[in-house]
Amino acid sequence: MSSSLQARAPAKINLTLHVLGRREDGYHELLSLVAFAGVCDHLRLTQADTLSLSVDGPTSQAAGGGDDNLVLRAARNLAARVEGLKVGAFALTKHLPVAAGIGGGSSDAAAALRLLARLNDLPLDDPRVIEAARTTGADVPVCLDPGARMMAGVGEQLGPKLGFAAIAAVLVNPGVAVETKSVFAELGLKPGQPYGFGKHPAVEPNMGADALIATLKKGRNDLEDPAGVIAREVVAALAVLGAARGARLARMSGSGATCFALFSDRHQAARAARVIRRDHPKWWSRATLLR
């Protein structure tokens, strides 16, 4: 084995997020089309006798590096299921904003499981790896093998990869953390109460960018309005993205506050990101490709 193993932990973007209702157990039933961005955190694993984590990078201070970090939680969950699991020292470099609706922590945890699987010659579809992912967090399973796909339930039901062509996008986070629990509370559903304003549009494998964007326009993010009530910065970010030259669709990801706009090509996206950074220098803004 080389001195260390490395993995990317890409941002998870909810291109759609339909809330179907709230279950009797209190969890919300969701249906979402998920894609992954080129922007990412980076994780390195060096084999050692004990498990540890160090964190650096532009957003490391907000991420934290204690025992509650999802990287360590995922590793412990896998170690509890695989006797004699080889572990080591993780080094996480954080680039993604925290509590931002783009699954940064979940993607970090999934990257940790991928690295441990490689170190221990475990396939990613090993039931113990999958169960460790589910136990760590609702978004971790979809991040195990990043790629555009449908996600349902509370994140445990995953469709096959859809094989879309890369779509140019701009991601914007206006610098405010939005608590997922508060957004769902603002939605106001009681246990057992259904919720829905039309079915999710049909998504076919290998759709081209034009067909996909046309389909996405028939969908929605049901958490966008409650997040906007909690954080008006979400409304501002959506307005800026929607007004960007060449933007074809602007929407919030997850429970916010990160929002995205889709463009016809990467040059339009790069230009829009430059303008947004110039006009809103305190915002986190990145041009990227979604797959």
Protein backbone atom coordinates (compact mmCIF):
# COMPACT_ATOMS: atom_id res chain seq x y z
CA MET A 1 0.00 0.00 0.00
CA SER A 2 1.16 3.53 -0.69
CA SER A 3 1.84 5.81 2.24
CA SER A 4 -1.66 7.23 2.02
CA LEU A 5 -4.96 6.85 0.18
CA GLN A 6 -6.91 9.87 -1.06
CA ALA A 7 -10.52 10.56 -2.03
CA ARG A 8 -12.64 13.48 -3.16
CA ALA A 9 -15.80 14.35 -1.26
CA PRO A 10 -17.92 16.25 -3.81
CA ALA A 11 -20.80 18.57 -3.00
CA LYS A 12 -24.21 16.90 -3.29
CA ILE A 13 -26.79 19.02 -5.09
CA ASN A 14 -30.53 18.37 -4.88
CA LEU A 15 -31.71 19.35 -8.35
CA THR A 16 -35.22 18.65 -7.10
CA LEU A 17 -36.55 17.93 -3.62
CA HIS A 18 -40.20 16.93 -3.29
CA VAL A 19 -41.65 16.37 0.18
CA LEU A 20 -44.27 13.63 -0.07
CA GLY A 21 -45.39 13.88 3.54
CA ARG A 22 -44.42 13.26 7.13
CA ARG A 23 -44.39 9.71 8.40
CA GLU A 24 -45.92 8.60 11.68
CA ASP A 25 -42.41 8.20 13.10
CA GLY A 26 -41.78 11.91 12.48
CA TYR A 27 -39.42 11.56 9.53
CA HIS A 28 -40.25 13.24 6.24
CA GLU A 29 -40.70 11.15 3.10
CA LEU A 30 -38.73 12.71 0.23
CA LEU A 31 -38.18 12.23 -3.49
CA SER A 32 -35.13 13.98 -4.93
CA LEU A 33 -32.98 14.04 -8.03
CA VAL A 34 -29.40 14.31 -6.80
CA ALA A 35 -26.24 15.22 -8.70
CA PHE A 36 -22.65 15.86 -7.63
CA ALA A 37 -20.45 18.87 -8.27
CA GLY A 38 -16.82 19.20 -9.24
CA VAL A 39 -16.15 21.29 -6.12
CA CYS A 40 -15.27 19.11 -3.17
CA ASP A 41 -13.49 18.48 0.11
CA HIS A 42 -10.41 16.25 0.10
CA LEU A 43 -9.76 13.35 2.47
CA ARG A 44 -6.55 11.41 3.04
CA LEU A 45 -6.07 8.20 5.03
CA THR A 46 -2.72 6.97 6.33
CA GLN A 47 -2.81 3.53 7.92
CA ALA A 48 -2.13 3.54 11.66
CA ASP A 49 -3.01 1.48 14.71
CA THR A 50 -5.54 4.00 16.00
CA LEU A 51 -8.24 6.10 14.42
CA SER A 52 -7.72 9.88 14.32
CA LEU A 53 -8.74 12.97 12.36
CA SER A 54 -7.12 16.32 11.57
CA VAL A 55 -8.97 19.07 9.75
CA ASP A 56 -7.67 22.05 7.80
CA GLY A 57 -8.76 24.16 4.84
CA PRO A 58 -10.75 27.36 4.23
CA THR A 59 -13.93 26.17 6.00
CA SER A 60 -12.29 23.96 8.64
CA GLN A 61 -13.13 26.17 11.59
CA ALA A 62 -16.85 25.75 11.07
CA ALA A 63 -16.53 22.02 10.37
CA GLY A 64 -14.87 21.03 13.62
CA GLY A 65 -12.62 18.05 14.15
CA GLY A 66 -13.94 16.44 17.33
CA ASP A 67 -15.20 12.93 17.95
CA ASP A 68 -18.61 13.92 16.59
CA ASN A 69 -17.23 14.63 13.10
CA LEU A 70 -19.01 12.41 10.58
CA VAL A 71 -15.69 11.06 9.24
CA LEU A 72 -14.89 9.48 12.60
CA ARG A 73 -18.49 8.45 13.17
CA ALA A 74 -18.57 6.61 9.83
CA ALA A 75 -15.24 4.91 10.56
CA ARG A 76 -16.42 3.77 13.98
CA ASN A 77 -19.68 2.48 12.52
CA LEU A 78 -17.76 0.38 10.00
CA ALA A 79 -15.28 -0.86 12.63
CA ALA A 80 -18.21 -2.05 14.74
CA ARG A 81 -19.34 -4.23 11.83
CA VAL A 82 -16.01 -5.51 10.46
CA GLU A 83 -13.87 -7.41 12.94
CA GLY A 84 -10.21 -6.43 12.73
CA LEU A 85 -10.86 -3.47 10.42
CA LYS A 86 -7.63 -1.72 9.48
CA VAL A 87 -7.93 2.00 10.30
CA GLY A 88 -5.64 5.00 10.39
CA ALA A 89 -5.21 8.76 10.52
CA PHE A 90 -7.61 10.81 8.42
CA ALA A 91 -6.65 14.28 7.19
CA LEU A 92 -9.61 16.30 5.94
CA THR A 93 -9.21 19.50 3.91
CA LYS A 94 -12.47 21.44 3.96
CA HIS A 95 -13.43 23.63 1.01
CA LEU A 96 -17.22 23.31 1.13
CA PRO A 97 -19.38 25.50 3.37
CA VAL A 98 -20.83 23.80 6.45
CA ALA A 99 -24.56 23.34 7.20
CA ALA A 100 -25.21 24.47 3.65
CA GLY A 101 -27.60 21.95 2.09
CA ILE A 102 -24.92 20.35 -0.10
CA GLY A 103 -24.11 17.31 2.02
CA GLY A 104 -20.55 18.31 2.84
CA GLY A 105 -20.30 16.33 6.06
CA SER A 106 -22.16 13.36 4.55
CA SER A 107 -19.86 13.35 1.54
CA ASP A 108 -16.83 13.48 3.85
CA ALA A 109 -18.21 10.47 5.75
CA ALA A 110 -18.84 8.57 2.51
CA ALA A 111 -15.29 9.32 1.37
CA ALA A 112 -14.01 7.90 4.66
CA LEU A 113 -15.95 4.69 4.05
CA ARG A 114 -14.59 4.47 0.50
CA LEU A 115 -11.02 4.82 1.79
CA LEU A 116 -11.52 2.24 4.53
CA ALA A 117 -13.11 -0.11 2.01
CA ARG A 118 -10.04 0.23 -0.24
CA LEU A 119 -7.68 -0.27 2.67
CA ASN A 120 -9.53 -3.43 3.71
CA ASP A 121 -10.34 -4.81 0.24
CA LEU A 122 -14.08 -4.44 0.80
CA PRO A 123 -16.46 -3.77 -2.11
CA LEU A 124 -18.64 -0.68 -1.74
CA ASP A 125 -21.75 -2.83 -2.00
CA ASP A 126 -20.68 -4.90 1.01
CA PRO A 127 -23.77 -4.86 3.29
CA ARG A 128 -21.59 -3.80 6.22
CA VAL A 129 -20.34 -0.74 4.34
CA ILE A 130 -23.88 0.19 3.30
CA GLU A 131 -25.22 -0.28 6.82
CA ALA A 132 -22.40 1.83 8.25
CA ALA A 133 -23.33 4.58 5.78
CA ARG A 134 -27.02 4.45 6.72
CA THR A 135 -26.23 4.50 10.41
CA THR A 136 -23.98 7.55 9.99
CA GLY A 137 -26.54 9.80 8.28
CA ALA A 138 -29.43 9.96 5.84
CA ASP A 139 -27.37 11.48 3.01
CA VAL A 140 -24.30 9.26 3.39
CA PRO A 141 -25.55 6.29 1.27
CA VAL A 142 -26.13 8.42 -1.84
CA CYS A 143 -22.64 9.90 -1.45
CA LEU A 144 -20.93 6.49 -1.35
CA ASP A 145 -20.86 6.22 -5.15
CA PRO A 146 -21.34 9.81 -6.40
CA GLY A 147 -23.40 10.25 -9.53
CA ALA A 148 -26.79 11.61 -10.61
CA ARG A 149 -29.63 9.40 -9.40
CA MET A 150 -33.03 9.48 -7.72
CA MET A 151 -33.15 9.29 -3.94
CA ALA A 152 -36.30 8.48 -2.00
CA GLY A 153 -37.60 7.80 1.50
CA VAL A 154 -35.31 9.43 4.04
CA GLY A 155 -32.33 8.79 1.77
CA GLU A 156 -32.13 5.01 1.99
CA GLN A 157 -33.84 4.25 -1.34
CA LEU A 158 -31.46 4.84 -4.24
CA GLY A 159 -32.12 4.49 -7.94
CA PRO A 160 -29.49 3.55 -10.53
CA LYS A 161 -27.04 6.09 -11.88
CA LEU A 162 -28.67 8.11 -14.66
CA GLY A 163 -25.62 8.90 -16.76
CA PHE A 164 -26.39 12.53 -17.55
CA ALA A 165 -23.98 14.69 -19.49
CA ALA A 166 -22.24 17.24 -17.27
CA ILE A 167 -24.28 20.41 -16.69
CA ALA A 168 -22.64 23.79 -16.09
CA ALA A 169 -23.70 25.42 -12.83
CA VAL A 170 -22.92 28.14 -10.33
CA LEU A 171 -23.22 27.40 -6.61
CA VAL A 172 -23.78 30.26 -4.18
CA ASN A 173 -23.89 30.22 -0.41
CA PRO A 174 -24.76 33.60 1.13
CA GLY A 175 -22.82 32.87 4.30
CA VAL A 176 -25.63 31.86 6.62
CA ALA A 177 -26.08 28.42 8.16
CA VAL A 178 -29.62 27.05 7.99
CA GLU A 179 -30.57 24.25 10.38
CA THR A 180 -32.37 21.42 8.58
CA LYS A 181 -34.57 20.71 11.59
CA SER A 182 -35.79 24.32 11.65
CA VAL A 183 -36.64 24.27 7.93
CA PHE A 184 -38.76 21.13 8.29
CA ALA A 185 -40.42 22.65 11.37
CA GLU A 186 -41.30 25.74 9.32
CA LEU A 187 -42.87 23.44 6.71
CA GLY A 188 -45.30 22.57 9.48
CA LEU A 189 -46.35 18.99 8.69
CA LYS A 190 -47.79 16.83 11.45
CA PRO A 191 -46.92 13.11 11.71
CA GLY A 192 -48.99 11.19 9.18
CA GLN A 193 -49.81 14.29 7.14
CA PRO A 194 -49.28 14.06 3.36
CA TYR A 195 -47.80 16.90 1.36
CA GLY A 196 -47.54 17.37 -2.35
CA PHE A 197 -48.25 19.73 -5.20
CA GLY A 198 -47.87 17.45 -8.18
CA LYS A 199 -45.85 14.37 -9.01
CA HIS A 200 -42.15 14.43 -9.66
CA PRO A 201 -41.44 14.73 -13.39
CA ALA A 202 -40.20 11.59 -15.12
CA VAL A 203 -36.42 11.49 -15.39
CA GLU A 204 -34.89 9.25 -18.05
CA PRO A 205 -31.32 7.92 -18.18
CA ASN A 206 -28.77 9.67 -20.41
CA MET A 207 -30.87 12.81 -20.89
CA GLY A 208 -29.17 15.69 -22.67
CA ALA A 209 -28.77 19.02 -20.91
CA ASP A 210 -31.69 20.74 -22.67
CA ALA A 211 -34.12 17.91 -21.97
CA LEU A 212 -32.94 17.62 -18.37
CA ILE A 213 -33.31 21.34 -17.64
CA ALA A 214 -36.80 21.32 -19.21
CA THR A 215 -37.69 18.41 -16.93
CA LEU A 216 -36.22 20.10 -13.86
CA LYS A 217 -38.40 23.15 -14.47
CA LYS A 218 -41.42 20.91 -13.85
CA GLY A 219 -40.02 19.97 -10.45
CA ARG A 220 -39.31 22.00 -7.33
CA ASN A 221 -37.66 22.15 -3.93
CA ASP A 222 -40.43 22.12 -1.34
CA LEU A 223 -38.03 23.39 1.34
CA GLU A 224 -37.18 26.56 -0.56
CA ASP A 225 -40.03 28.68 0.80
CA PRO A 226 -39.64 27.68 4.49
CA ALA A 227 -35.86 28.19 4.25
CA GLY A 228 -36.48 31.64 2.76
CA VAL A 229 -38.70 32.53 5.72
CA ILE A 230 -35.94 31.55 8.16
CA ALA A 231 -33.10 33.13 6.18
CA ARG A 232 -33.91 35.97 3.80
CA GLU A 233 -30.41 35.55 2.40
CA VAL A 234 -31.75 32.51 0.52
CA VAL A 235 -34.26 34.71 -1.27
CA ALA A 236 -31.50 37.18 -2.14
CA ALA A 237 -29.20 34.45 -3.48
CA LEU A 238 -31.98 33.02 -5.66
CA ALA A 239 -32.75 36.46 -7.04
CA VAL A 240 -29.10 37.09 -7.93
CA LEU A 241 -28.71 33.69 -9.56
CA GLY A 242 -31.98 33.97 -11.47
CA ALA A 243 -30.91 37.34 -12.86
CA ALA A 244 -27.47 36.11 -13.96
CA ARG A 245 -26.86 36.34 -17.68
CA GLY A 246 -27.52 32.95 -19.26
CA ALA A 247 -29.11 31.36 -16.18
CA ARG A 248 -31.77 28.83 -17.20
CA LEU A 249 -32.93 27.70 -13.77
CA ALA A 250 -32.24 28.89 -10.21
CA ARG A 251 -33.12 26.77 -7.19
CA MET A 252 -32.06 26.01 -3.63
CA SER A 253 -30.26 22.75 -2.79
CA GLY A 254 -31.37 20.60 0.12
CA SER A 255 -32.56 22.62 3.11
CA GLY A 256 -30.31 25.57 2.15
CA ALA A 257 -28.78 27.98 2.23
CA THR A 258 -26.74 27.01 -0.86
CA CYS A 259 -28.50 27.78 -4.13
CA PHE A 260 -27.57 26.99 -7.72
CA ALA A 261 -28.20 28.16 -11.24
CA LEU A 262 -27.83 26.04 -14.38
CA PHE A 263 -26.29 27.32 -17.61
CA SER A 264 -25.88 26.13 -21.18
CA ASP A 265 -22.09 25.99 -20.98
CA ARG A 266 -19.20 26.40 -18.56
CA HIS A 267 -18.15 29.78 -20.00
CA GLN A 268 -21.50 31.33 -19.08
CA ALA A 269 -21.26 29.78 -15.62
CA ALA A 270 -17.71 31.05 -15.07
CA ARG A 271 -18.70 34.58 -16.13
CA ALA A 272 -21.71 34.56 -13.81
CA ALA A 273 -19.60 33.35 -10.89
CA ARG A 274 -17.07 36.14 -11.47
CA VAL A 275 -19.80 38.78 -11.46
CA ILE A 276 -21.38 37.37 -8.30
CA ARG A 277 -18.03 37.28 -6.49
CA ARG A 278 -17.41 40.88 -7.54
CA ASP A 279 -20.83 42.11 -6.39
CA HIS A 280 -21.10 39.89 -3.30
CA PRO A 281 -17.53 39.32 -2.07
CA LYS A 282 -18.67 37.82 1.24
CA TRP A 283 -20.64 35.05 -0.47
CA TRP A 284 -19.15 31.66 -1.32
CA SER A 285 -19.58 31.26 -5.08
CA ARG A 286 -18.18 28.61 -7.42
CA ALA A 287 -18.65 27.70 -11.09
CA THR A 288 -18.68 23.93 -11.49
CA LEU A 289 -20.05 20.98 -13.45
CA LEU A 290 -22.81 18.72 -12.11
CA ARG A 291 -22.86 15.02 -12.98
